[in-house]
Amino acid sequence: MLRESYTWLGLGMLLLTALAGCATDAMRSSSMIGAEPYPPPGLPHRVASSHVELYWKCDQGDPGVMRIQGMARNPWSPQEVRYLEFDLFGVDRDDRVVSSAHAAAPNYMLGTNQTTRFEVALRVTGREARYDLVYQYRFQELEEMAARLAGPPTRPRLAQSTVQFMVRGACSESQHLAR
């Protein structure tokens, strides 16, 4: 009887050790930031909207090209951010667009606390006085008003919204600095 109790105790300890190891491993892999330190080093600019936080740097290392490289993150929204896209505009002193480029984030969907890298490369004309970055994304929201007007819903109704933001002077040395 005593030997059987020790056997069960040993099996219970083995099971608890295995479960603790799995829980630790799951916590490590569930962090969508992964090996990325937060906030990301080397990305001096930052803006945040309702669902997306952007960090980036501007680099004009290649002749004739302005490059914005950065990281986008969905830090708090429970709804997925979908189809994150970027437009970079070179604007002259008269506020006219003289050059533009478009890029999309490689991950088409960002869940809560997930990140993705992005890059936009713009061929410059030499007339640019500043660079404006426009970003847009889509996400699902509950259609509360439609649900009220049509009576009690049998399931949540979702509407896809597109939101667009502009970062004026995205490569400014004094604006949009991460603090």
C-alpha atoms as a PDB file:
ATOM      1  CA  MET A   1       0.000   0.000   0.000  1.00  0.00           C
ATOM      2  CA  LEU A   2       2.815   2.424   0.890  1.00  0.00           C
ATOM      3  CA  ARG A   3       4.684   1.525  -2.292  1.00  0.00           C
ATOM      4  CA  GLU A   4       1.560   2.242  -4.388  1.00  0.00           C
ATOM      5  CA  SER A   5       1.178   5.657  -2.701  1.00  0.00           C
ATOM      6  CA  TYR A   6       4.771   6.549  -3.583  1.00  0.00           C
ATOM      7  CA  THR A   7       4.158   5.464  -7.166  1.00  0.00           C
ATOM      8  CA  TRP A   8       1.114   7.740  -7.442  1.00  0.00           C
ATOM      9  CA  LEU A   9       2.976  10.573  -5.749  1.00  0.00           C
ATOM     10  CA  GLY A  10       5.865  10.164  -8.195  1.00  0.00           C
ATOM     11  CA  LEU A  11       3.517  10.151 -11.192  1.00  0.00           C
ATOM     12  CA  GLY A  12       1.741  13.244  -9.854  1.00  0.00           C
ATOM     13  CA  MET A  13       5.041  15.095  -9.424  1.00  0.00           C
ATOM     14  CA  LEU A  14       6.093  14.088 -12.943  1.00  0.00           C
ATOM     15  CA  LEU A  15       2.799  15.340 -14.337  1.00  0.00           C
ATOM     16  CA  LEU A  16       3.058  18.661 -12.477  1.00  0.00           C
ATOM     17  CA  THR A  17       6.639  19.153 -13.700  1.00  0.00           C
ATOM     18  CA  ALA A  18       5.561  18.472 -17.291  1.00  0.00           C
ATOM     19  CA  LEU A  19       2.629  20.881 -17.012  1.00  0.00           C
ATOM     20  CA  ALA A  20       4.818  23.599 -15.516  1.00  0.00           C
ATOM     21  CA  GLY A  21       7.309  23.171 -18.368  1.00  0.00           C
ATOM     22  CA  CYS A  22       4.542  23.415 -20.964  1.00  0.00           C
ATOM     23  CA  ALA A  23       3.073  26.520 -19.339  1.00  0.00           C
ATOM     24  CA  THR A  24       6.460  28.237 -19.292  1.00  0.00           C
ATOM     25  CA  ASP A  25       7.069  27.335 -22.933  1.00  0.00           C
ATOM     26  CA  ALA A  26       3.574  28.524 -23.932  1.00  0.00           C
ATOM     27  CA  MET A  27       4.091  31.868 -22.209  1.00  0.00           C
ATOM     28  CA  ARG A  28       7.392  32.348 -24.026  1.00  0.00           C
ATOM     29  CA  SER A  29       5.950  31.508 -27.465  1.00  0.00           C
ATOM     30  CA  SER A  30       2.667  33.387 -26.979  1.00  0.00           C
ATOM     31  CA  SER A  31       4.491  36.710 -26.789  1.00  0.00           C
ATOM     32  CA  MET A  32       4.099  37.898 -30.359  1.00  0.00           C
ATOM     33  CA  ILE A  33       6.887  40.383 -29.935  1.00  0.00           C
ATOM     34  CA  GLY A  34       9.282  37.446 -29.856  1.00  0.00           C
ATOM     35  CA  ALA A  35      12.926  38.446 -29.815  1.00  0.00           C
ATOM     36  CA  GLU A  36      12.088  42.061 -30.642  1.00  0.00           C
ATOM     37  CA  PRO A  37      12.980  44.361 -27.744  1.00  0.00           C
ATOM     38  CA  TYR A  38      10.315  46.874 -26.846  1.00  0.00           C
ATOM     39  CA  PRO A  39      10.443  49.735 -27.569  1.00  0.00           C
ATOM     40  CA  PRO A  40      12.580  48.828 -30.565  1.00  0.00           C
ATOM     41  CA  PRO A  41      16.082  50.328 -30.501  1.00  0.00           C
ATOM     42  CA  GLY A  42      17.293  52.376 -33.453  1.00  0.00           C
ATOM     43  CA  LEU A  43      13.810  53.567 -34.437  1.00  0.00           C
ATOM     44  CA  PRO A  44      13.640  57.135 -33.124  1.00  0.00           C
ATOM     45  CA  HIS A  45      10.186  58.146 -34.423  1.00  0.00           C
ATOM     46  CA  ARG A  46       6.850  57.041 -32.957  1.00  0.00           C
ATOM     47  CA  VAL A  47       3.132  57.621 -33.457  1.00  0.00           C
ATOM     48  CA  ALA A  48       0.119  55.686 -32.204  1.00  0.00           C
ATOM     49  CA  SER A  49      -3.490  55.528 -33.274  1.00  0.00           C
ATOM     50  CA  SER A  50      -6.447  53.646 -31.849  1.00  0.00           C
ATOM     51  CA  HIS A  51      -5.155  50.263 -32.993  1.00  0.00           C
ATOM     52  CA  VAL A  52      -1.594  50.649 -34.313  1.00  0.00           C
ATOM     53  CA  GLU A  53       1.664  51.900 -32.880  1.00  0.00           C
ATOM     54  CA  LEU A  54       4.450  52.716 -35.366  1.00  0.00           C
ATOM     55  CA  TYR A  55       8.185  53.097 -34.772  1.00  0.00           C
ATOM     56  CA  TRP A  56      10.437  54.052 -37.688  1.00  0.00           C
ATOM     57  CA  LYS A  57      13.642  55.617 -38.938  1.00  0.00           C
ATOM     58  CA  CYS A  58      14.353  57.566 -42.097  1.00  0.00           C
ATOM     59  CA  ASP A  59      17.423  56.715 -44.118  1.00  0.00           C
ATOM     60  CA  GLN A  60      18.721  58.467 -47.207  1.00  0.00           C
ATOM     61  CA  GLY A  61      21.803  56.225 -47.472  1.00  0.00           C
ATOM     62  CA  ASP A  62      21.242  55.320 -51.117  1.00  0.00           C
ATOM     63  CA  PRO A  63      21.581  58.248 -53.531  1.00  0.00           C
ATOM     64  CA  GLY A  64      18.201  59.363 -54.814  1.00  0.00           C
ATOM     65  CA  VAL A  65      16.189  57.209 -52.374  1.00  0.00           C
ATOM     66  CA  MET A  66      14.457  58.089 -49.099  1.00  0.00           C
ATOM     67  CA  ARG A  67      13.765  54.911 -47.164  1.00  0.00           C
ATOM     68  CA  ILE A  68      11.539  54.551 -44.115  1.00  0.00           C
ATOM     69  CA  GLN A  69      12.048  51.340 -42.173  1.00  0.00           C
ATOM     70  CA  GLY A  70      10.059  50.499 -39.104  1.00  0.00           C
ATOM     71  CA  MET A  71       7.936  48.270 -36.962  1.00  0.00           C
ATOM     72  CA  ALA A  72       4.160  48.317 -36.534  1.00  0.00           C
ATOM     73  CA  ARG A  73       2.443  46.860 -33.496  1.00  0.00           C
ATOM     74  CA  ASN A  74      -1.130  46.259 -32.378  1.00  0.00           C
ATOM     75  CA  PRO A  75      -0.526  46.940 -28.680  1.00  0.00           C
ATOM     76  CA  TRP A  76      -4.007  46.911 -27.174  1.00  0.00           C
ATOM     77  CA  SER A  77      -6.818  46.302 -29.634  1.00  0.00           C
ATOM     78  CA  PRO A  78      -8.636  42.979 -29.255  1.00  0.00           C
ATOM     79  CA  GLN A  79      -9.725  43.225 -32.897  1.00  0.00           C
ATOM     80  CA  GLU A  80      -7.195  42.259 -35.542  1.00  0.00           C
ATOM     81  CA  VAL A  81      -5.654  45.027 -37.628  1.00  0.00           C
ATOM     82  CA  ARG A  82      -5.791  43.966 -41.267  1.00  0.00           C
ATOM     83  CA  TYR A  83      -4.083  45.093 -44.457  1.00  0.00           C
ATOM     84  CA  LEU A  84      -1.750  47.721 -43.014  1.00  0.00           C
ATOM     85  CA  GLU A  85      -0.476  49.885 -45.892  1.00  0.00           C
ATOM     86  CA  PHE A  86       1.854  52.851 -46.157  1.00  0.00           C
ATOM     87  CA  ASP A  87       2.204  55.749 -48.588  1.00  0.00           C
ATOM     88  CA  LEU A  88       5.208  58.042 -48.445  1.00  0.00           C
ATOM     89  CA  PHE A  89       4.914  61.428 -50.123  1.00  0.00           C
ATOM     90  CA  GLY A  90       7.683  63.877 -50.920  1.00  0.00           C
ATOM     91  CA  VAL A  91       6.212  67.375 -50.582  1.00  0.00           C
ATOM     92  CA  ASP A  92       7.793  70.587 -51.908  1.00  0.00           C
ATOM     93  CA  ARG A  93       7.798  74.034 -50.248  1.00  0.00           C
ATOM     94  CA  ASP A  94       4.420  74.867 -51.844  1.00  0.00           C
ATOM     95  CA  ASP A  95       2.804  71.757 -50.268  1.00  0.00           C
ATOM     96  CA  ARG A  96       2.614  69.942 -53.613  1.00  0.00           C
ATOM     97  CA  VAL A  97       3.370  66.241 -53.828  1.00  0.00           C
ATOM     98  CA  VAL A  98       6.436  65.767 -56.050  1.00  0.00           C
ATOM     99  CA  SER A  99       7.118  62.055 -55.383  1.00  0.00           C
ATOM    100  CA  SER A 100       5.316  59.095 -53.840  1.00  0.00           C
ATOM    101  CA  ALA A 101       5.761  55.434 -52.963  1.00  0.00           C
ATOM    102  CA  HIS A 102       3.488  52.696 -51.630  1.00  0.00           C
ATOM    103  CA  ALA A 103       4.168  49.592 -49.538  1.00  0.00           C
ATOM    104  CA  ALA A 104       2.215  47.083 -47.489  1.00  0.00           C
ATOM    105  CA  ALA A 105       3.173  45.361 -44.259  1.00  0.00           C
ATOM    106  CA  PRO A 106       4.214  41.750 -44.903  1.00  0.00           C
ATOM    107  CA  ASN A 107       1.766  40.411 -42.287  1.00  0.00           C
ATOM    108  CA  TYR A 108      -1.752  41.038 -43.539  1.00  0.00           C
ATOM    109  CA  MET A 109      -3.187  40.649 -40.023  1.00  0.00           C
ATOM    110  CA  LEU A 110      -1.932  41.806 -36.609  1.00  0.00           C
ATOM    111  CA  GLY A 111      -3.525  40.390 -33.479  1.00  0.00           C
ATOM    112  CA  THR A 112      -3.158  41.886 -30.020  1.00  0.00           C
ATOM    113  CA  ASN A 113       0.512  42.487 -29.201  1.00  0.00           C
ATOM    114  CA  GLN A 114       1.739  41.281 -32.595  1.00  0.00           C
ATOM    115  CA  THR A 115       4.346  43.169 -34.611  1.00  0.00           C
ATOM    116  CA  THR A 116       5.437  43.391 -38.209  1.00  0.00           C
ATOM    117  CA  ARG A 117       8.314  45.141 -39.928  1.00  0.00           C
ATOM    118  CA  PHE A 118       7.714  47.496 -42.853  1.00  0.00           C
ATOM    119  CA  GLU A 119       9.735  49.460 -45.393  1.00  0.00           C
ATOM    120  CA  VAL A 120       8.820  52.173 -47.893  1.00  0.00           C
ATOM    121  CA  ALA A 121      11.387  53.301 -50.485  1.00  0.00           C
ATOM    122  CA  LEU A 122      10.803  56.573 -52.342  1.00  0.00           C
ATOM    123  CA  ARG A 123      12.723  57.811 -55.393  1.00  0.00           C
ATOM    124  CA  VAL A 124      13.384  61.466 -54.659  1.00  0.00           C
ATOM    125  CA  THR A 125      13.256  64.252 -57.232  1.00  0.00           C
ATOM    126  CA  GLY A 126      15.386  66.729 -55.296  1.00  0.00           C
ATOM    127  CA  ARG A 127      12.490  69.152 -54.778  1.00  0.00           C
ATOM    128  CA  GLU A 128      11.239  67.550 -51.526  1.00  0.00           C
ATOM    129  CA  ALA A 129      11.064  69.873 -48.532  1.00  0.00           C
ATOM    130  CA  ARG A 130       9.505  67.245 -46.240  1.00  0.00           C
ATOM    131  CA  TYR A 131       8.158  63.702 -46.253  1.00  0.00           C
ATOM    132  CA  ASP A 132       4.631  62.812 -45.155  1.00  0.00           C
ATOM    133  CA  LEU A 133       3.775  59.235 -44.211  1.00  0.00           C
ATOM    134  CA  VAL A 134       0.180  58.051 -44.574  1.00  0.00           C
ATOM    135  CA  TYR A 135      -0.837  54.725 -43.102  1.00  0.00           C
ATOM    136  CA  GLN A 136      -4.145  52.947 -43.259  1.00  0.00           C
ATOM    137  CA  TYR A 137      -5.585  49.686 -42.041  1.00  0.00           C
ATOM    138  CA  ARG A 138      -8.862  47.825 -41.750  1.00  0.00           C
ATOM    139  CA  PHE A 139     -10.431  46.291 -38.678  1.00  0.00           C
ATOM    140  CA  GLN A 140     -13.772  44.873 -37.553  1.00  0.00           C
ATOM    141  CA  GLU A 141     -16.106  46.789 -35.272  1.00  0.00           C
ATOM    142  CA  LEU A 142     -19.485  45.934 -33.825  1.00  0.00           C
ATOM    143  CA  GLU A 143     -22.260  47.808 -35.600  1.00  0.00           C
ATOM    144  CA  GLU A 144     -24.009  48.935 -32.446  1.00  0.00           C
ATOM    145  CA  MET A 145     -26.442  51.381 -34.056  1.00  0.00           C
ATOM    146  CA  ALA A 146     -27.555  48.939 -36.763  1.00  0.00           C
ATOM    147  CA  ALA A 147     -28.017  46.256 -34.115  1.00  0.00           C
ATOM    148  CA  ARG A 148     -30.273  48.590 -32.108  1.00  0.00           C
ATOM    149  CA  LEU A 149     -32.321  49.665 -35.110  1.00  0.00           C
ATOM    150  CA  ALA A 150     -32.915  46.152 -36.408  1.00  0.00           C
ATOM    151  CA  GLY A 151     -33.815  44.668 -33.044  1.00  0.00           C
ATOM    152  CA  PRO A 152     -31.826  42.355 -30.840  1.00  0.00           C
ATOM    153  CA  PRO A 153     -29.141  40.569 -32.842  1.00  0.00           C
ATOM    154  CA  THR A 154     -28.876  36.809 -32.743  1.00  0.00           C
ATOM    155  CA  ARG A 155     -25.088  37.141 -33.131  1.00  0.00           C
ATOM    156  CA  PRO A 156     -22.718  40.146 -33.125  1.00  0.00           C
ATOM    157  CA  ARG A 157     -22.694  42.064 -36.378  1.00  0.00           C
ATOM    158  CA  LEU A 158     -19.303  43.207 -37.554  1.00  0.00           C
ATOM    159  CA  ALA A 159     -18.477  45.953 -40.000  1.00  0.00           C
ATOM    160  CA  GLN A 160     -15.095  46.418 -41.599  1.00  0.00           C
ATOM    161  CA  SER A 161     -13.800  49.972 -41.255  1.00  0.00           C
ATOM    162  CA  THR A 162     -10.816  51.544 -42.992  1.00  0.00           C
ATOM    163  CA  VAL A 163      -8.933  54.115 -40.968  1.00  0.00           C
ATOM    164  CA  GLN A 164      -6.289  56.431 -42.378  1.00  0.00           C
ATOM    165  CA  PHE A 165      -3.769  58.651 -40.598  1.00  0.00           C
ATOM    166  CA  MET A 166      -1.132  61.079 -41.842  1.00  0.00           C
ATOM    167  CA  VAL A 167       2.198  61.759 -40.175  1.00  0.00           C
ATOM    168  CA  ARG A 168       3.232  65.189 -41.455  1.00  0.00           C
ATOM    169  CA  GLY A 169       6.994  65.663 -41.532  1.00  0.00           C
ATOM    170  CA  ALA A 170       7.679  61.995 -40.792  1.00  0.00           C
ATOM    171  CA  CYS A 171      11.454  62.420 -41.189  1.00  0.00           C
ATOM    172  CA  SER A 172      11.692  65.611 -39.134  1.00  0.00           C
ATOM    173  CA  GLU A 173      14.526  65.630 -36.624  1.00  0.00           C
ATOM    174  CA  SER A 174      12.331  67.342 -34.025  1.00  0.00           C
ATOM    175  CA  GLN A 175       8.850  65.788 -34.470  1.00  0.00           C
ATOM    176  CA  HIS A 176       7.335  62.387 -33.693  1.00  0.00           C
ATOM    177  CA  LEU A 177      10.268  61.376 -31.502  1.00  0.00           C
ATOM    178  CA  ALA A 178       9.840  58.268 -29.352  1.00  0.00           C
ATOM    179  CA  ARG A 179      10.088  59.170 -25.677  1.00  0.00           C
END
